[in-house]
Protein backbone atom coordinates (compact mmCIF):
# COMPACT_ATOMS: atom_id res chain seq x y z
CA MET A 1 -8.84 -57.49 37.04
CA LYS A 2 -6.26 -56.49 34.44
CA LYS A 3 -9.01 -55.03 32.19
CA ILE A 4 -10.40 -53.00 35.09
CA PHE A 5 -6.93 -51.65 35.89
CA THR A 6 -6.37 -50.69 32.23
CA LEU A 7 -9.75 -48.96 32.10
CA LEU A 8 -9.00 -47.00 35.26
CA LEU A 9 -5.58 -46.00 33.89
CA LEU A 10 -7.10 -44.72 30.63
CA LEU A 11 -9.76 -42.82 32.56
CA ALA A 12 -7.12 -41.23 34.76
CA MET A 13 -5.10 -40.19 31.70
CA MET A 14 -8.17 -38.65 30.08
CA MET A 15 -9.03 -36.77 33.25
CA GLY A 16 -5.47 -35.52 33.49
CA LYS A 17 -5.57 -34.32 29.92
CA ASN A 18 -8.87 -32.48 30.49
CA ALA A 19 -7.52 -30.97 33.69
CA LYS A 20 -4.65 -29.41 31.73
CA ALA A 21 -6.94 -27.99 29.05
CA GLN A 22 -7.77 -24.31 29.52
CA TYR A 23 -10.87 -23.40 27.56
CA VAL A 24 -12.13 -19.92 26.71
CA THR A 25 -15.20 -18.96 24.68
CA ILE A 26 -14.48 -17.39 21.30
CA PRO A 27 -17.53 -15.14 20.81
CA ASP A 28 -17.27 -14.44 17.07
CA THR A 29 -18.74 -17.31 15.04
CA ASN A 30 -16.93 -16.22 11.88
CA PHE A 31 -13.58 -16.25 13.68
CA VAL A 32 -14.36 -19.71 15.09
CA ASN A 33 -15.29 -20.98 11.62
CA TRP A 34 -12.10 -19.57 10.12
CA LEU A 35 -9.95 -21.18 12.80
CA LYS A 36 -11.67 -24.55 12.43
CA GLY A 37 -11.36 -24.37 8.66
CA ASN A 38 -7.64 -23.56 8.80
CA GLY A 39 -6.18 -26.31 10.91
CA TYR A 40 -7.21 -25.49 14.48
CA THR A 41 -10.21 -27.83 14.86
CA ALA A 42 -8.45 -30.09 17.37
CA ALA A 43 -8.13 -27.15 19.76
CA PHE A 44 -11.92 -26.60 19.86
CA ASN A 45 -14.93 -28.00 21.61
CA GLY A 46 -17.82 -26.15 19.97
CA ASN A 47 -16.88 -22.49 20.28
CA MET A 48 -14.59 -23.19 23.25
CA MET A 49 -10.87 -22.97 22.45
CA ASP A 50 -8.20 -24.76 24.47
CA THR A 51 -5.59 -22.06 24.97
CA SER A 52 -3.03 -24.62 26.12
CA ASN A 53 -3.21 -26.64 22.90
CA THR A 54 0.06 -26.54 20.97
CA LEU A 55 -1.86 -25.72 17.79
CA ILE A 56 -2.60 -22.38 19.47
CA THR A 57 0.61 -21.77 21.40
CA LEU A 58 2.97 -22.64 18.52
CA ALA A 59 1.14 -20.89 15.65
CA THR A 60 3.28 -18.18 14.03
CA ASN A 61 1.05 -16.74 11.28
CA ILE A 62 -2.67 -15.96 10.94
CA ASN A 63 -4.24 -14.43 7.84
CA CYS A 64 -8.01 -14.18 8.35
CA THR A 65 -8.78 -11.41 5.88
CA ASN A 66 -12.25 -10.75 4.46
CA GLN A 67 -14.21 -13.07 6.78
CA ASN A 68 -16.79 -10.64 8.24
CA ILE A 69 -15.16 -10.98 11.65
CA THR A 70 -16.36 -8.40 14.18
CA ASN A 71 -14.50 -9.62 17.29
CA LEU A 72 -10.96 -11.01 17.38
CA PHE A 73 -11.04 -12.03 21.05
CA GLY A 74 -8.88 -15.10 21.51
CA ILE A 75 -6.00 -13.91 19.35
CA GLN A 76 -4.05 -12.99 22.49
CA TYR A 77 -3.68 -16.69 23.32
CA PHE A 78 -1.62 -17.31 20.19
CA THR A 79 1.47 -16.50 22.21
CA ASN A 80 4.04 -17.35 19.53
CA LEU A 81 2.31 -15.42 16.73
CA SER A 82 4.67 -13.22 14.72
CA SER A 83 2.32 -12.06 11.92
CA LEU A 84 -1.40 -11.21 12.00
CA ASP A 85 -3.41 -10.04 9.00
CA CYS A 86 -7.04 -9.30 9.86
CA SER A 87 -7.68 -6.77 7.08
CA TYR A 88 -11.02 -6.35 5.30
CA ASN A 89 -13.23 -7.39 8.19
CA GLN A 90 -15.76 -5.53 10.36
CA LEU A 91 -13.61 -4.95 13.44
CA THR A 92 -14.40 -1.89 15.56
CA ASN A 93 -11.61 -2.65 18.04
CA LEU A 94 -8.81 -5.12 18.52
CA SER A 95 -8.32 -7.41 21.49
CA LYS A 96 -5.06 -7.50 23.37
CA LEU A 97 -2.37 -8.53 20.92
CA PRO A 98 0.14 -11.38 21.34
CA THR A 99 3.34 -10.13 22.95
CA ASN A 100 5.63 -11.66 20.28
CA LEU A 101 3.81 -10.09 17.33
CA GLN A 102 6.14 -8.49 14.77
CA SER A 103 3.77 -7.64 11.88
CA LEU A 104 0.20 -6.35 12.18
CA TYR A 105 -2.05 -5.72 9.18
CA CYS A 106 -5.54 -4.46 10.08
CA ASN A 107 -6.38 -2.42 6.99
CA THR A 108 -9.93 -1.54 5.93
CA ASN A 109 -11.89 -2.26 9.07
CA LEU A 110 -14.00 0.01 11.31
CA LEU A 111 -11.34 0.61 13.96
CA ASN A 112 -11.56 3.74 16.09
CA ASN A 113 -8.35 3.05 17.97
CA LEU A 114 -5.61 0.49 18.47
CA PRO A 115 -4.64 -1.32 21.67
CA GLY A 116 -1.17 -1.07 23.16
CA LEU A 117 1.30 -2.32 20.58
CA PRO A 118 3.68 -5.21 21.28
CA THR A 119 7.26 -4.10 21.87
CA LEU A 120 8.62 -6.42 19.15
CA LEU A 121 6.41 -4.97 16.40
CA THR A 122 8.37 -3.90 13.30
CA ARG A 123 5.50 -3.37 10.80
CA LEU A 124 2.15 -1.70 11.40
CA GLU A 125 -0.44 -1.27 8.64
CA CYS A 126 -3.79 0.18 9.76
CA VAL A 127 -4.86 1.86 6.52
CA ASN A 128 -8.44 3.00 5.86
CA ASN A 129 -10.03 2.93 9.30
CA GLN A 130 -11.52 5.56 11.63
CA ILE A 131 -8.47 6.00 13.87
CA SER A 132 -7.92 9.53 15.20
CA ASN A 133 -4.90 8.80 17.41
CA LEU A 134 -2.22 6.14 17.37
CA PRO A 135 -0.82 4.61 20.57
CA ALA A 136 2.86 4.89 21.45
CA LEU A 137 4.95 3.26 18.75
CA PRO A 138 7.38 0.43 19.56
CA SER A 139 11.01 1.52 19.63
CA GLY A 140 12.00 -0.92 16.86
CA LEU A 141 9.22 -0.13 14.37
CA LEU A 142 10.45 -0.08 10.75
CA TYR A 143 7.29 0.46 8.67
CA LEU A 144 4.24 2.58 9.51
CA TRP A 145 1.36 2.69 7.05
CA CYS A 146 -1.50 4.63 8.63
CA HIS A 147 -2.93 6.55 5.69
CA THR A 148 -6.61 7.25 5.09
CA ASN A 149 -7.50 7.75 8.74
CA PRO A 150 -8.68 10.94 10.54
CA ILE A 151 -5.42 11.08 12.51
CA ASN A 152 -4.77 14.53 14.00
CA ASN A 153 -1.26 14.00 15.36
CA LEU A 154 1.37 11.33 15.06
CA PRO A 155 3.16 10.07 18.16
CA THR A 156 6.93 10.27 18.49
CA LEU A 157 8.49 8.33 15.65
CA PRO A 158 11.00 5.63 16.59
CA SER A 159 14.61 6.13 15.57
CA THR A 160 14.47 2.96 13.45
CA LEU A 161 11.62 3.94 11.10
CA ILE A 162 12.28 3.34 7.38
CA GLU A 163 8.89 4.11 5.80
CA LEU A 164 6.09 6.48 6.82
CA HIS A 165 2.85 6.57 4.81
CA CYS A 166 0.40 9.03 6.36
CA GLU A 167 -1.35 10.45 3.30
CA GLY A 168 -5.03 11.31 3.44
CA CYS A 169 -5.14 11.96 7.19
CA SER A 170 -5.97 15.13 9.14
CA LEU A 171 -2.44 16.12 10.06
CA THR A 172 -1.41 19.74 10.53
CA ASN A 173 2.19 18.97 11.51
CA LEU A 174 4.68 16.13 11.52
CA PRO A 175 6.91 15.11 14.42
CA SER A 176 10.69 15.04 14.03
CA LEU A 177 11.73 12.60 11.36
CA PRO A 178 14.37 9.99 12.21
CA ASN A 179 17.47 9.85 10.03
CA THR A 180 16.69 6.23 9.18
CA LEU A 181 13.62 7.31 7.18
CA GLN A 182 13.88 6.48 3.48
CA ILE A 183 10.29 6.98 2.24
CA LEU A 184 7.86 9.72 3.34
CA ASN A 185 4.40 10.02 1.80
CA CYS A 186 2.32 12.72 3.48
CA ASN A 187 0.14 13.98 0.64
CA SER A 188 -3.42 15.28 1.13
CA ASN A 189 -2.95 16.73 4.62
CA GLN A 190 -2.62 20.32 5.86
CA LEU A 191 1.13 20.64 6.37
CA PRO A 192 2.28 24.15 5.42
CA ILE A 193 5.72 23.33 6.86
CA LEU A 194 7.71 20.11 6.77
CA PRO A 195 10.28 19.28 9.45
CA ALA A 196 13.92 18.70 8.57
CA LEU A 197 14.15 15.75 6.25
CA SER A 198 16.02 12.55 6.95
CA LEU A 199 19.55 12.51 5.54
CA ASN A 200 18.75 9.06 4.08
CA LEU A 201 15.45 9.96 2.40
CA THR A 202 15.11 8.55 -1.13
CA GLU A 203 11.43 9.32 -1.82
CA LEU A 204 9.33 12.33 -0.78
CA ILE A 205 5.67 12.58 -1.80
CA CYS A 206 4.00 15.74 -0.48
CA ASP A 207 1.22 16.62 -2.94
CA ASN A 208 -1.64 18.86 -1.93
CA ILE A 209 -0.58 19.83 1.60
CA GLY A 210 -0.42 23.64 1.32
CA LEU A 211 3.36 23.96 1.19
CA SER A 212 4.82 27.38 0.39
CA SER A 213 8.42 26.14 0.58
CA LEU A 214 10.39 22.94 0.84
CA PRO A 215 13.16 22.26 3.34
CA SER A 216 16.66 21.38 2.17
CA LEU A 217 16.62 18.19 0.18
CA PRO A 218 19.01 15.38 1.16
CA SER A 219 21.62 14.24 -1.35
CA THR A 220 20.09 10.74 -1.29
CA LEU A 221 16.72 11.86 -2.70
CA GLN A 222 15.72 10.10 -5.93
CA ILE A 223 11.99 10.89 -6.22
CA LEU A 224 10.29 14.20 -5.40
CA VAL A 225 6.54 14.64 -5.90
CA CYS A 226 5.21 18.02 -4.73
CA ASN A 227 2.25 18.73 -7.04
CA ASN A 228 -0.60 21.11 -6.18
CA ASN A 229 1.03 23.27 -3.49
CA GLN A 230 1.86 26.98 -3.14
CA LEU A 231 5.51 26.70 -4.12
CA SER A 232 7.10 29.62 -5.95
CA ALA A 233 10.59 28.08 -6.01
CA LEU A 234 12.37 24.82 -5.35
CA PRO A 235 15.49 24.31 -3.25
CA MET A 236 18.68 22.99 -4.82
CA LEU A 237 17.95 19.62 -6.33
CA PRO A 238 20.16 16.64 -5.46
CA SER A 239 22.47 15.48 -8.26
CA GLY A 240 21.07 11.94 -8.04
CA LEU A 241 17.41 12.93 -8.41
CA LEU A 242 15.68 10.63 -10.93
CA GLU A 243 12.05 11.81 -10.89
CA LEU A 244 10.58 15.28 -10.28
CA TYR A 245 6.87 16.11 -10.31
CA CYS A 246 5.93 19.69 -9.45
CA ASN A 247 2.77 20.35 -11.44
């Protein structure tokens, strides 16, 4: 009788455990294989992932670069994820992103657009894709690297931004630059006029953009690269300037 009771108790515990499990199908085999090969096997049954498993809900970092992944569905269930690097894959779009994400690296994919960005995001790198427009940028974003994309216009830049790398895009103008900005690289666009520069800018790279004049340069500027433009004169150079390239 005691053995029967113990067996029934174990069965009830197993059923309770299975009842709590919440499985979803992860459609991309390469993503499944990467997850299983990097410590998440216990959260899987075949290609079904238990989204309630603590391996999933407590994970903070995923770096699945260069795995031939075409579909990242399932990443949204990693609710505590702070950093995601899915660069060098074959992604044409991104699934909904985890709400706590702070750093997103999705360089060198086949992305045409990005989903809505998490409000806590501080770093976005989406270099070398096919993105023509960026979504609204989070208010606390610090670093934006979006170069080598056919982007026509940038959205409003957050007042916290420190670095903007938008070289090799299809820009014809830049939005207002926040005074927090320290590095601006906008070379190889069509920007005959630059907006007023940040008072904290230390590095300006604006090669090959069709400039006929430069705006006033901030006293903080240390590096100025303005090769291959239509400049006939330079503005007053800051006393602390260390490097000047105006070929």
